[in-house]
N, C-alpha and C. Protein backbone atom coordinates (compact mmCIF):
# COMPACT_ATOMS: atom_id res chain seq x y z
N MET A 1 -4.32 -19.58 -9.46
CA MET A 1 -4.68 -17.85 -9.06
C MET A 1 -4.28 -18.16 -7.69
N THR A 2 -4.20 -17.10 -6.97
CA THR A 2 -3.80 -17.46 -5.87
C THR A 2 -4.63 -16.13 -4.59
N THR A 3 -5.03 -16.32 -3.65
CA THR A 3 -5.86 -15.55 -2.95
C THR A 3 -4.84 -14.63 -1.68
N ILE A 4 -4.77 -13.42 -1.61
CA ILE A 4 -3.95 -12.59 -1.00
C ILE A 4 -4.41 -11.52 0.47
N LYS A 5 -4.23 -10.78 0.85
CA LYS A 5 -4.22 -10.48 1.37
C LYS A 5 -4.39 -8.66 1.14
N ALA A 6 -5.44 -7.81 1.52
CA ALA A 6 -5.21 -6.34 0.89
C ALA A 6 -5.89 -5.64 1.54
N LEU A 7 -5.33 -4.23 1.51
CA LEU A 7 -5.99 -2.88 2.22
C LEU A 7 -5.71 -2.18 1.15
N SER A 8 -7.27 -1.32 1.48
CA SER A 8 -7.27 -0.41 0.32
C SER A 8 -6.69 1.43 1.21
N LEU A 9 -6.12 2.18 0.38
CA LEU A 9 -5.73 3.07 0.67
C LEU A 9 -6.15 4.36 0.03
N HIS A 10 -6.28 5.53 0.78
CA HIS A 10 -6.57 7.05 -0.37
C HIS A 10 -5.53 7.11 -1.20
N GLN A 11 -5.34 7.52 -1.91
CA GLN A 11 -4.68 8.40 -2.38
C GLN A 11 -4.14 9.72 -2.39
N PRO A 12 -2.44 10.07 -2.06
CA PRO A 12 -1.93 9.79 -2.76
C PRO A 12 -0.61 8.53 -1.78
N TRP A 13 -1.36 8.76 -0.82
CA TRP A 13 -0.68 7.42 0.29
C TRP A 13 -0.41 6.04 -0.49
N ALA A 14 -1.26 5.90 -1.23
CA ALA A 14 -0.76 4.32 -1.89
C ALA A 14 0.15 3.94 -2.91
N THR A 15 0.00 5.28 -3.87
CA THR A 15 1.26 5.67 -4.63
C THR A 15 2.97 5.66 -3.62
N TRP A 16 2.46 6.37 -2.64
CA TRP A 16 3.98 6.82 -2.07
C TRP A 16 4.33 5.20 -1.43
N ILE A 17 3.17 4.69 -1.27
CA ILE A 17 3.96 2.61 -0.61
C ILE A 17 4.54 2.50 -2.08
N ALA A 18 3.91 2.13 -3.05
CA ALA A 18 4.03 1.56 -4.18
C ALA A 18 5.41 1.76 -4.95
N ALA A 19 5.73 3.39 -4.28
CA ALA A 19 7.21 4.14 -4.42
C ALA A 19 8.33 4.17 -3.62
N GLY A 20 8.29 3.35 -2.28
CA GLY A 20 9.14 3.02 -1.53
C GLY A 20 9.29 4.38 -0.82
N LYS A 21 8.35 5.46 -1.15
CA LYS A 21 8.92 6.42 -0.30
C LYS A 21 7.71 6.26 1.19
N LYS A 22 7.04 5.79 1.77
CA LYS A 22 6.30 5.88 2.87
C LYS A 22 6.13 4.01 3.37
N THR A 23 6.72 3.82 4.01
CA THR A 23 7.04 2.34 4.43
C THR A 23 6.13 2.00 5.57
N ILE A 24 5.74 2.81 6.48
CA ILE A 24 4.88 3.00 7.59
C ILE A 24 3.09 3.21 7.27
N GLU A 25 2.38 2.38 6.73
CA GLU A 25 0.76 2.85 6.97
C GLU A 25 0.64 2.89 8.04
N THR A 26 -0.13 3.82 8.77
CA THR A 26 -0.71 3.91 10.52
C THR A 26 -2.62 3.70 10.16
N ARG A 27 -3.06 2.93 10.89
CA ARG A 27 -4.82 2.59 11.52
C ARG A 27 -4.81 2.35 12.44
N MET A 28 -6.10 3.33 13.05
CA MET A 28 -6.45 2.80 14.45
C MET A 28 -6.78 1.26 15.08
N TRP A 29 -6.66 0.64 14.08
CA TRP A 29 -6.90 -0.95 14.87
C TRP A 29 -5.30 -1.59 14.22
N ASP A 30 -5.44 -2.64 14.91
CA ASP A 30 -3.55 -3.65 14.83
C ASP A 30 -4.80 -4.79 14.59
N THR A 31 -3.53 -5.44 14.29
CA THR A 31 -4.03 -6.65 12.93
C THR A 31 -2.47 -8.00 13.39
N ARG A 32 -3.45 -9.36 13.52
CA ARG A 32 -1.85 -10.47 13.89
C ARG A 32 -1.43 -10.52 12.45
N TYR A 33 -2.06 -10.26 11.07
CA TYR A 33 -1.73 -10.74 10.16
C TYR A 33 -0.22 -10.41 9.28
N ARG A 34 0.48 -11.29 9.35
CA ARG A 34 2.19 -10.88 8.58
C ARG A 34 2.18 -11.47 7.10
N GLY A 35 2.58 -10.88 6.22
CA GLY A 35 2.62 -11.71 5.16
C GLY A 35 2.23 -10.34 3.96
N PRO A 36 2.95 -10.92 2.87
CA PRO A 36 2.23 -10.56 2.09
C PRO A 36 0.49 -9.77 1.83
N LEU A 37 0.87 -8.53 1.25
CA LEU A 37 -0.60 -7.49 1.62
C LEU A 37 -0.59 -6.66 -0.07
N LEU A 38 -2.15 -6.50 -0.39
CA LEU A 38 -1.86 -5.93 -1.59
C LEU A 38 -1.98 -4.55 -1.56
N ILE A 39 -1.53 -3.45 -1.94
CA ILE A 39 -1.60 -2.05 -1.41
C ILE A 39 -2.48 -1.74 -2.77
N CYS A 40 -3.51 -1.24 -2.43
CA CYS A 40 -5.06 -0.67 -3.31
C CYS A 40 -5.08 0.49 -3.30
N ALA A 41 -5.35 1.48 -4.15
CA ALA A 41 -5.94 3.06 -4.28
C ALA A 41 -7.24 2.57 -4.17
N SER A 42 -8.08 3.44 -3.61
CA SER A 42 -9.54 3.27 -3.41
C SER A 42 -9.79 4.16 -4.53
N ARG A 43 -11.47 4.29 -4.59
CA ARG A 43 -11.86 5.52 -5.44
C ARG A 43 -12.14 6.81 -4.83
N HIS A 44 -12.45 6.42 -3.47
CA HIS A 44 -12.48 7.85 -2.60
C HIS A 44 -12.22 9.21 -3.20
N GLY A 45 -12.97 10.44 -3.30
CA GLY A 45 -12.39 11.56 -4.17
C GLY A 45 -12.39 11.51 -5.30
N ALA A 46 -12.67 10.15 -6.09
CA ALA A 46 -12.52 10.19 -7.40
C ALA A 46 -13.03 11.01 -8.70
N ARG A 47 -11.88 11.20 -9.94
CA ARG A 47 -12.65 12.35 -11.15
C ARG A 47 -13.15 10.99 -12.09
N ARG A 48 -14.21 11.18 -12.73
CA ARG A 48 -14.32 9.75 -13.92
C ARG A 48 -14.41 10.79 -15.46
N SER A 49 -13.39 9.53 -16.75
CA SER A 49 -14.00 10.58 -17.85
C SER A 49 -14.44 9.43 -18.12
N GLY A 50 -14.95 8.53 -18.98
CA GLY A 50 -14.97 7.38 -19.46
C GLY A 50 -14.86 6.67 -18.73
N ASP A 51 -13.74 5.63 -18.70
CA ASP A 51 -13.43 4.33 -17.93
C ASP A 51 -12.21 4.49 -17.09
N GLN A 52 -11.76 6.11 -17.27
CA GLN A 52 -10.41 6.55 -16.40
C GLN A 52 -11.27 6.90 -15.74
N ALA A 53 -10.24 6.84 -13.87
CA ALA A 53 -10.80 7.29 -12.59
C ALA A 53 -9.16 8.06 -12.40
N TRP A 54 -9.58 9.05 -11.47
CA TRP A 54 -7.87 9.54 -10.74
C TRP A 54 -8.66 10.42 -9.76
N VAL A 55 -7.46 10.87 -9.15
CA VAL A 55 -7.41 11.67 -8.07
C VAL A 55 -6.62 12.58 -8.11
N ILE A 56 -6.68 13.98 -7.97
CA ILE A 56 -5.75 15.12 -8.03
C ILE A 56 -5.18 15.66 -6.78
N ALA A 57 -4.49 15.09 -6.16
CA ALA A 57 -3.12 15.53 -4.87
C ALA A 57 -2.03 15.82 -4.94
N ARG A 58 -1.22 16.68 -3.91
CA ARG A 58 0.16 17.13 -4.08
C ARG A 58 1.03 15.75 -3.61
N ASP A 59 2.04 15.71 -4.03
CA ASP A 59 3.53 14.86 -4.58
C ASP A 59 3.52 14.73 -3.33
N THR A 60 5.03 14.28 -2.91
CA THR A 60 6.07 14.31 -1.90
C THR A 60 6.54 15.83 -2.38
N ASP A 61 6.56 16.01 -3.26
CA ASP A 61 6.98 17.48 -3.33
C ASP A 61 7.08 18.51 -3.45
N GLY A 62 5.17 18.68 -3.55
CA GLY A 62 4.17 19.42 -3.16
C GLY A 62 3.60 20.16 -4.51
N ARG A 63 4.35 18.91 -6.08
CA ARG A 63 3.05 19.67 -7.02
C ARG A 63 1.76 18.90 -6.91
N LEU A 64 0.78 19.12 -7.39
CA LEU A 64 -0.40 18.84 -8.28
C LEU A 64 0.04 17.39 -8.89
N ARG A 65 -0.44 16.76 -8.93
CA ARG A 65 -0.26 15.47 -10.15
C ARG A 65 -1.76 14.75 -9.85
N GLU A 66 -2.00 13.94 -10.90
CA GLU A 66 -2.87 12.93 -11.12
C GLU A 66 -2.87 11.18 -10.72
N PHE A 67 -3.20 11.13 -9.29
CA PHE A 67 -3.04 9.85 -9.06
C PHE A 67 -4.11 8.34 -9.26
N PRO A 68 -3.63 7.46 -10.10
CA PRO A 68 -4.42 5.74 -10.22
C PRO A 68 -5.32 5.86 -8.77
N VAL A 69 -6.98 5.35 -9.02
CA VAL A 69 -7.72 5.45 -8.08
C VAL A 69 -8.58 3.51 -8.66
N GLY A 70 -8.74 2.63 -7.64
CA GLY A 70 -9.70 1.88 -8.26
C GLY A 70 -8.80 0.67 -8.87
N VAL A 71 -7.20 0.60 -8.12
CA VAL A 71 -6.16 -0.18 -8.81
C VAL A 71 -5.59 -0.78 -7.68
N ALA A 72 -5.04 -2.23 -8.20
CA ALA A 72 -3.87 -2.82 -6.94
C ALA A 72 -2.85 -2.21 -7.58
N LEU A 73 -1.42 -1.50 -6.75
CA LEU A 73 -0.42 -0.69 -6.97
C LEU A 73 0.77 -1.77 -6.70
N CYS A 74 0.92 -2.31 -5.63
CA CYS A 74 2.12 -3.36 -5.63
C CYS A 74 1.86 -4.39 -4.13
N ILE A 75 2.87 -5.04 -4.15
CA ILE A 75 2.39 -6.05 -2.65
C ILE A 75 3.70 -5.89 -1.96
N ALA A 76 3.67 -5.31 -0.61
CA ALA A 76 4.61 -5.06 -0.11
C ALA A 76 4.14 -6.43 1.22
N GLU A 77 5.51 -6.38 2.10
CA GLU A 77 5.16 -7.34 3.24
C GLU A 77 4.85 -6.52 4.45
N LEU A 78 3.61 -6.93 5.45
CA LEU A 78 3.85 -6.46 6.76
C LEU A 78 4.40 -7.36 7.06
N THR A 79 5.20 -6.31 8.05
CA THR A 79 6.83 -7.47 8.95
C THR A 79 5.85 -7.35 10.46
N TYR A 80 5.69 -6.28 10.64
CA TYR A 80 5.12 -6.27 11.72
C TYR A 80 4.50 -4.93 12.47
N THR A 81 3.66 -4.87 13.49
CA THR A 81 2.59 -3.47 13.63
C THR A 81 3.31 -3.30 15.29
N ASP A 82 3.13 -1.91 15.67
CA ASP A 82 3.06 -1.54 16.65
C ASP A 82 2.62 -0.19 16.88
N ARG A 83 2.54 -0.35 18.55
CA ARG A 83 1.82 1.90 18.62
C ARG A 83 2.58 2.97 17.95
N MET A 84 2.60 3.53 17.39
CA MET A 84 2.58 4.71 16.10
C MET A 84 3.69 5.01 17.18
N MET A 85 4.80 6.23 17.12
CA MET A 85 6.07 6.61 17.55
C MET A 85 6.51 8.13 17.02
N LEU A 86 6.47 9.14 17.64
CA LEU A 86 7.61 10.29 16.97
C LEU A 86 8.12 9.61 15.85
N ALA A 87 8.94 8.97 16.44
CA ALA A 87 9.75 8.65 15.00
C ALA A 87 9.44 7.90 13.81
N ASP A 88 8.23 7.33 13.93
CA ASP A 88 8.15 6.69 12.54
C ASP A 88 7.00 8.02 11.72
N GLU A 89 7.51 9.43 11.91
CA GLU A 89 6.54 10.04 11.40
C GLU A 89 7.34 9.87 9.56
N PRO A 90 8.48 10.42 9.41
CA PRO A 90 9.27 10.70 8.48
C PRO A 90 9.07 9.09 7.34
N PHE A 91 8.44 8.01 7.77
CA PHE A 91 8.18 6.42 7.71
C PHE A 91 7.24 6.66 7.27
N ALA A 92 6.02 7.56 8.08
CA ALA A 92 4.32 7.45 7.62
C ALA A 92 3.74 7.78 6.68
N LEU A 93 5.32 9.48 6.91
CA LEU A 93 4.78 10.53 6.10
C LEU A 93 3.41 11.59 6.53
N CYS A 94 3.06 11.45 8.01
CA CYS A 94 2.18 11.98 8.75
C CYS A 94 2.40 11.76 10.26
N ALA A 95 1.31 12.96 10.51
CA ALA A 95 1.38 13.42 11.98
C ALA A 95 1.55 11.66 12.97
N CYS A 96 2.22 11.76 14.13
CA CYS A 96 1.82 10.61 14.98
C CYS A 96 0.56 11.43 15.31
N GLU A 97 -0.51 10.31 16.05
CA GLU A 97 -1.07 10.76 16.37
C GLU A 97 -1.98 9.41 17.69
N PRO A 98 -2.19 10.14 18.16
CA PRO A 98 -2.62 9.02 19.89
C PRO A 98 -3.65 8.02 19.73
N GLY A 99 -2.77 6.75 19.69
CA GLY A 99 -3.78 5.90 19.66
C GLY A 99 -3.49 4.99 18.38
N ARG A 100 -2.71 5.11 17.59
CA ARG A 100 -2.69 4.42 15.98
C ARG A 100 -1.21 3.45 16.01
N PHE A 101 -1.71 2.82 14.94
CA PHE A 101 -1.43 1.65 15.45
C PHE A 101 -0.07 2.09 14.03
N ALA A 102 1.61 1.34 13.83
CA ALA A 102 2.23 1.58 13.00
C ALA A 102 2.42 0.24 12.38
N TRP A 103 1.91 0.13 10.92
CA TRP A 103 2.33 -1.59 10.02
C TRP A 103 3.31 -1.07 9.61
N HIS A 104 4.39 -1.79 9.71
CA HIS A 104 5.92 -2.12 9.60
C HIS A 104 5.53 -2.94 7.60
N LEU A 105 6.08 -2.09 6.23
CA LEU A 105 6.37 -2.65 5.08
C LEU A 105 7.28 -2.48 4.90
N GLY A 106 7.85 -3.98 4.22
CA GLY A 106 8.95 -4.05 3.73
C GLY A 106 8.86 -4.85 2.57
N SER A 107 9.99 -5.29 1.77
CA SER A 107 9.90 -6.02 0.16
C SER A 107 8.51 -5.55 -0.65
N ILE A 108 8.68 -4.63 -0.73
CA ILE A 108 8.06 -3.75 -1.72
C ILE A 108 7.81 -3.91 -3.39
N LEU A 109 6.96 -4.73 -3.86
CA LEU A 109 7.43 -4.72 -5.36
C LEU A 109 6.16 -3.46 -5.96
N PRO A 110 6.04 -2.75 -6.93
CA PRO A 110 5.04 -2.35 -7.75
C PRO A 110 4.85 -3.60 -8.65
N VAL A 111 3.34 -3.71 -8.80
CA VAL A 111 2.70 -4.16 -10.02
C VAL A 111 2.25 -3.09 -11.10
N GLU A 112 1.94 -3.65 -12.19
CA GLU A 112 1.15 -3.24 -13.39
C GLU A 112 0.14 -3.44 -12.59
N PRO A 113 -0.65 -1.65 -13.10
CA PRO A 113 -2.26 -1.64 -11.97
C PRO A 113 -3.15 -2.33 -12.62
N PHE A 114 -3.64 -3.26 -11.39
CA PHE A 114 -4.56 -4.25 -12.77
C PHE A 114 -6.31 -3.56 -11.28
N PRO A 115 -7.21 -3.49 -11.89
CA PRO A 115 -8.53 -2.74 -10.91
C PRO A 115 -8.69 -3.90 -10.42
N VAL A 116 -9.49 -3.12 -8.88
CA VAL A 116 -9.07 -3.98 -7.22
C VAL A 116 -11.01 -3.15 -6.88
N LYS A 117 -11.52 -3.84 -6.95
CA LYS A 117 -13.18 -3.32 -5.61
C LYS A 117 -12.52 -3.40 -4.33
N GLY A 118 -12.18 -2.20 -3.56
CA GLY A 118 -11.31 -1.94 -2.40
C GLY A 118 -12.53 -2.47 -1.74
N ARG A 119 -12.73 -2.42 0.07
CA ARG A 119 -13.11 -2.73 1.29
C ARG A 119 -12.36 -2.23 2.33
N GLN A 120 -13.54 -1.88 3.39
CA GLN A 120 -12.59 -1.45 4.76
C GLN A 120 -11.62 -2.88 5.15
N GLY A 121 -10.91 -2.29 6.01
CA GLY A 121 -10.51 -3.55 6.72
C GLY A 121 -9.42 -3.93 5.37
N LEU A 122 -8.78 -5.48 6.07
CA LEU A 122 -8.19 -6.53 5.00
C LEU A 122 -9.14 -7.26 4.74
N PHE A 123 -9.00 -7.36 3.09
CA PHE A 123 -10.20 -8.11 2.99
C PHE A 123 -8.63 -9.57 1.76
N ASN A 124 -9.59 -10.04 0.89
CA ASN A 124 -9.27 -11.17 0.43
C ASN A 124 -8.96 -10.40 -1.10
N VAL A 125 -7.98 -11.30 -2.19
CA VAL A 125 -8.46 -10.65 -3.65
C VAL A 125 -7.52 -11.64 -4.14
N ASP A 126 -7.98 -12.46 -5.44
CA ASP A 126 -7.28 -12.97 -5.94
C ASP A 126 -6.12 -12.44 -7.55
N ILE A 127 -5.18 -12.89 -7.24
CA ILE A 127 -4.21 -12.60 -8.21
C ILE A 127 -3.69 -13.81 -8.88
N PRO A 128 -3.18 -13.65 -9.64
CA PRO A 128 -1.89 -14.50 -11.26
C PRO A 128 -1.40 -15.08 -9.66
N ASP A 129 -0.69 -16.63 -9.79
CA ASP A 129 0.03 -17.53 -8.96
C ASP A 129 1.63 -16.16 -9.26
N ASP A 130 1.89 -16.23 -10.30
CA ASP A 130 3.21 -15.96 -10.76
C ASP A 130 3.68 -14.40 -10.66
N LEU A 131 2.22 -13.63 -9.67
CA LEU A 131 2.56 -12.09 -9.49
C LEU A 131 3.31 -12.72 -7.69
N LEU A 132 1.93 -13.54 -7.55
CA LEU A 132 2.73 -13.63 -6.00
C LEU A 132 4.37 -14.38 -5.83
N ARG A 133 4.80 -15.46 -7.02
CA ARG A 133 6.46 -16.12 -7.01
C ARG A 133 6.97 -14.68 -7.15
N ARG A 134 6.53 -13.92 -8.09
CA ARG A 134 7.73 -12.41 -8.46
C ARG A 134 7.84 -12.04 -7.13
N PHE A 135 7.03 -12.04 -5.98
CA PHE A 135 7.47 -11.12 -5.01
C PHE A 135 8.37 -11.85 -3.87
N TRP A 136 8.06 -12.99 -3.78
CA TRP A 136 8.83 -13.85 -2.68
C TRP A 136 10.15 -14.20 -3.87
N ASP A 137 9.95 -13.82 -4.85
CA ASP A 137 11.42 -14.14 -5.37
C ASP A 137 12.35 -12.75 -5.40
N ASP A 138 11.63 -11.85 -5.83
CA ASP A 138 12.11 -10.35 -5.26
C ASP A 138 12.66 -10.22 -4.06
N ARG A 139 12.10 -10.73 -2.69
CA ARG A 139 12.16 -10.59 -2.12
C ARG A 139 13.31 -11.32 -1.52
N ALA A 140 13.54 -12.42 -2.00
CA ALA A 140 14.94 -13.39 -1.24
C ALA A 140 15.99 -12.59 -2.15
N ALA A 141 15.89 -11.92 -3.20
CA ALA A 141 17.00 -11.41 -3.89
C ALA A 141 17.52 -10.22 -2.82
N ARG A 142 16.69 -9.36 -2.70
CA ARG A 142 16.55 -8.76 -1.78
C ARG A 142 17.34 -9.26 -0.85
N MET A 143 17.40 -9.93 0.14
CA MET A 143 17.65 -10.30 1.56
C MET A 143 19.02 -11.14 1.22
N ARG A 144 19.32 -11.60 0.11
CA ARG A 144 21.08 -11.62 -0.68
C ARG A 144 21.63 -10.90 -0.56
N GLU A 145 21.42 -9.44 -1.01
CA GLU A 145 22.13 -8.33 -1.13
C GLU A 145 22.55 -7.64 0.13
N GLU A 146 21.94 -8.21 1.05
CA GLU A 146 22.23 -7.13 2.33
C GLU A 146 23.37 -7.80 2.73
């Protein structure tokens, strides 16, 4: 097992990152951390039926759909952070707000969802070694293509 930094987001934003639709996450706080980041969908507002949990929200096309919660969805590379600007809005899928930081994400690798108990801020999660190796291999392959 390998320990990786993780970040919990409400849905549908976590899914939008995993799908590559959202490449900037915004936060009221900055971080010095750079590197792989496990993106998790928090259980905020979840509906439950047995062991299944989800939230219903509008997707980027405006349609209502179910989004999974309480799971990891992808690994992304946190490449840098800076103050959010108006130009970041299309990549953050939200309005620019004073004082917010833009966390720039790249090399997004969707993963088979697995349960994660989310927390506030950055936190550590143990993942299988081969999952992180897949992330680095995928990242290297993308860089060779550019």
